[in-house]
């Protein structure tokens, strides 16, 4: 085991410096949590008998979004924000 713990969401310690970011083109960013929430919402539309549970899980995923990309600082483009 190590004593290292990952930085909290929004922390910029792992973000690339601005001078480097200006040299690269970054794609639109959607967090993994928000992507998963979208999949859960799609599943709820298909599995209507479990829509409440799937919707609750989707809400939890949106709440876990790290909001900004940890390396580029780009904000999550999900409409939940």
C-alpha atoms as a PDB file:
ATOM      1  CA  UNK A   1       0.000   0.000   0.000  1.00  0.00           C
ATOM      2  CA  UNK A   2       1.037   3.573  -0.578  1.00  0.00           C
ATOM      3  CA  UNK A   3       0.213   6.789   1.234  1.00  0.00           C
ATOM      4  CA  UNK A   4      -0.794   8.443  -2.057  1.00  0.00           C
ATOM      5  CA  UNK A   5      -4.404   9.476  -2.481  1.00  0.00           C
ATOM      6  CA  UNK A   6      -5.788  10.961  -5.673  1.00  0.00           C
ATOM      7  CA  UNK A   7      -6.513  14.683  -5.664  1.00  0.00           C
ATOM      8  CA  UNK A   8     -10.163  15.664  -5.185  1.00  0.00           C
ATOM      9  CA  UNK A   9     -12.342  16.616  -8.180  1.00  0.00           C
ATOM     10  CA  UNK A  10     -11.567  20.121  -9.383  1.00  0.00           C
ATOM     11  CA  UNK A  11      -7.967  20.017  -8.156  1.00  0.00           C
ATOM     12  CA  UNK A  12      -5.564  21.283 -10.819  1.00  0.00           C
ATOM     13  CA  UNK A  13      -2.393  19.464  -9.682  1.00  0.00           C
ATOM     14  CA  UNK A  14      -2.636  16.964 -12.549  1.00  0.00           C
ATOM     15  CA  UNK A  15      -3.772  19.497 -15.141  1.00  0.00           C
ATOM     16  CA  UNK A  16      -1.454  20.314 -18.021  1.00  0.00           C
ATOM     17  CA  UNK A  17       0.034  23.822 -17.973  1.00  0.00           C
ATOM     18  CA  UNK A  18      -1.741  26.483 -20.055  1.00  0.00           C
ATOM     19  CA  UNK A  19       1.297  26.798 -22.343  1.00  0.00           C
ATOM     20  CA  UNK A  20       0.903  23.117 -23.288  1.00  0.00           C
ATOM     21  CA  UNK A  21      -2.890  23.215 -23.514  1.00  0.00           C
ATOM     22  CA  UNK A  22      -2.731  25.978 -26.118  1.00  0.00           C
ATOM     23  CA  UNK A  23      -0.693  23.663 -28.365  1.00  0.00           C
ATOM     24  CA  UNK A  24      -3.197  20.818 -28.458  1.00  0.00           C
ATOM     25  CA  UNK A  25      -6.791  20.497 -29.583  1.00  0.00           C
ATOM     26  CA  UNK A  26      -9.024  18.828 -27.027  1.00  0.00           C
ATOM     27  CA  UNK A  27     -12.249  17.028 -27.830  1.00  0.00           C
ATOM     28  CA  UNK A  28     -15.515  17.905 -26.108  1.00  0.00           C
ATOM     29  CA  UNK A  29     -15.560  16.300 -22.664  1.00  0.00           C
ATOM     30  CA  UNK A  30     -18.314  14.298 -21.025  1.00  0.00           C
ATOM     31  CA  UNK A  31     -17.365  12.594 -17.787  1.00  0.00           C
ATOM     32  CA  UNK A  32     -17.611   8.836 -17.452  1.00  0.00           C
ATOM     33  CA  UNK A  33     -20.197   9.320 -14.705  1.00  0.00           C
ATOM     34  CA  UNK A  34     -22.422  11.434 -16.966  1.00  0.00           C
ATOM     35  CA  UNK A  35     -21.964   9.026 -19.893  1.00  0.00           C
ATOM     36  CA  UNK A  36     -23.082   6.194 -17.620  1.00  0.00           C
ATOM     37  CA  UNK A  37     -26.047   8.268 -16.430  1.00  0.00           C
ATOM     38  CA  UNK A  38     -27.084   8.693 -20.063  1.00  0.00           C
ATOM     39  CA  UNK A  39     -26.923   4.941 -20.610  1.00  0.00           C
ATOM     40  CA  UNK A  40     -29.031   4.401 -17.496  1.00  0.00           C
ATOM     41  CA  UNK A  41     -31.626   6.899 -18.782  1.00  0.00           C
ATOM     42  CA  UNK A  42     -31.756   5.036 -22.110  1.00  0.00           C
ATOM     43  CA  UNK A  43     -32.205   1.741 -20.265  1.00  0.00           C
ATOM     44  CA  UNK A  44     -35.038   3.271 -18.217  1.00  0.00           C
ATOM     45  CA  UNK A  45     -36.896   4.118 -21.428  1.00  0.00           C
ATOM     46  CA  UNK A  46     -36.636   0.488 -22.548  1.00  0.00           C
ATOM     47  CA  UNK A  47     -37.141  -1.211 -19.184  1.00  0.00           C
ATOM     48  CA  UNK A  48     -40.047   0.858 -17.937  1.00  0.00           C
ATOM     49  CA  UNK A  49     -40.749  -1.588 -15.100  1.00  0.00           C
ATOM     50  CA  UNK A  50     -37.381  -0.593 -13.584  1.00  0.00           C
ATOM     51  CA  UNK A  51     -37.409   3.062 -14.627  1.00  0.00           C
ATOM     52  CA  UNK A  52     -37.520   4.414 -11.061  1.00  0.00           C
ATOM     53  CA  UNK A  53     -34.470   2.433  -9.955  1.00  0.00           C
ATOM     54  CA  UNK A  54     -32.542   3.206 -13.136  1.00  0.00           C
ATOM     55  CA  UNK A  55     -33.427   6.889 -12.806  1.00  0.00           C
ATOM     56  CA  UNK A  56     -32.177   6.941  -9.228  1.00  0.00           C
ATOM     57  CA  UNK A  57     -28.881   5.405 -10.346  1.00  0.00           C
ATOM     58  CA  UNK A  58     -28.617   7.970 -13.159  1.00  0.00           C
ATOM     59  CA  UNK A  59     -29.089  10.775 -10.614  1.00  0.00           C
ATOM     60  CA  UNK A  60     -26.321   9.294  -8.450  1.00  0.00           C
ATOM     61  CA  UNK A  61     -23.988   9.127 -11.440  1.00  0.00           C
ATOM     62  CA  UNK A  62     -24.625  12.786 -12.317  1.00  0.00           C
ATOM     63  CA  UNK A  63     -23.823  13.746  -8.721  1.00  0.00           C
ATOM     64  CA  UNK A  64     -20.491  11.912  -8.978  1.00  0.00           C
ATOM     65  CA  UNK A  65     -19.375  13.842 -12.079  1.00  0.00           C
ATOM     66  CA  UNK A  66     -15.919  15.326 -11.635  1.00  0.00           C
ATOM     67  CA  UNK A  67     -17.150  18.391 -13.640  1.00  0.00           C
ATOM     68  CA  UNK A  68     -13.774  19.138 -15.223  1.00  0.00           C
ATOM     69  CA  UNK A  69     -11.353  16.886 -17.073  1.00  0.00           C
ATOM     70  CA  UNK A  70      -8.477  16.201 -14.714  1.00  0.00           C
ATOM     71  CA  UNK A  71      -5.758  16.732 -17.339  1.00  0.00           C
ATOM     72  CA  UNK A  72      -7.185  19.501 -19.541  1.00  0.00           C
ATOM     73  CA  UNK A  73      -9.536  21.337 -17.188  1.00  0.00           C
ATOM     74  CA  UNK A  74     -12.283  21.176 -19.816  1.00  0.00           C
ATOM     75  CA  UNK A  75     -15.769  21.282 -18.305  1.00  0.00           C
ATOM     76  CA  UNK A  76     -18.157  18.365 -18.694  1.00  0.00           C
ATOM     77  CA  UNK A  77     -20.603  19.114 -21.500  1.00  0.00           C
ATOM     78  CA  UNK A  78     -23.501  17.167 -20.003  1.00  0.00           C
ATOM     79  CA  UNK A  79     -26.765  19.086 -19.879  1.00  0.00           C
ATOM     80  CA  UNK A  80     -27.200  18.179 -16.187  1.00  0.00           C
ATOM     81  CA  UNK A  81     -24.722  20.909 -15.180  1.00  0.00           C
END
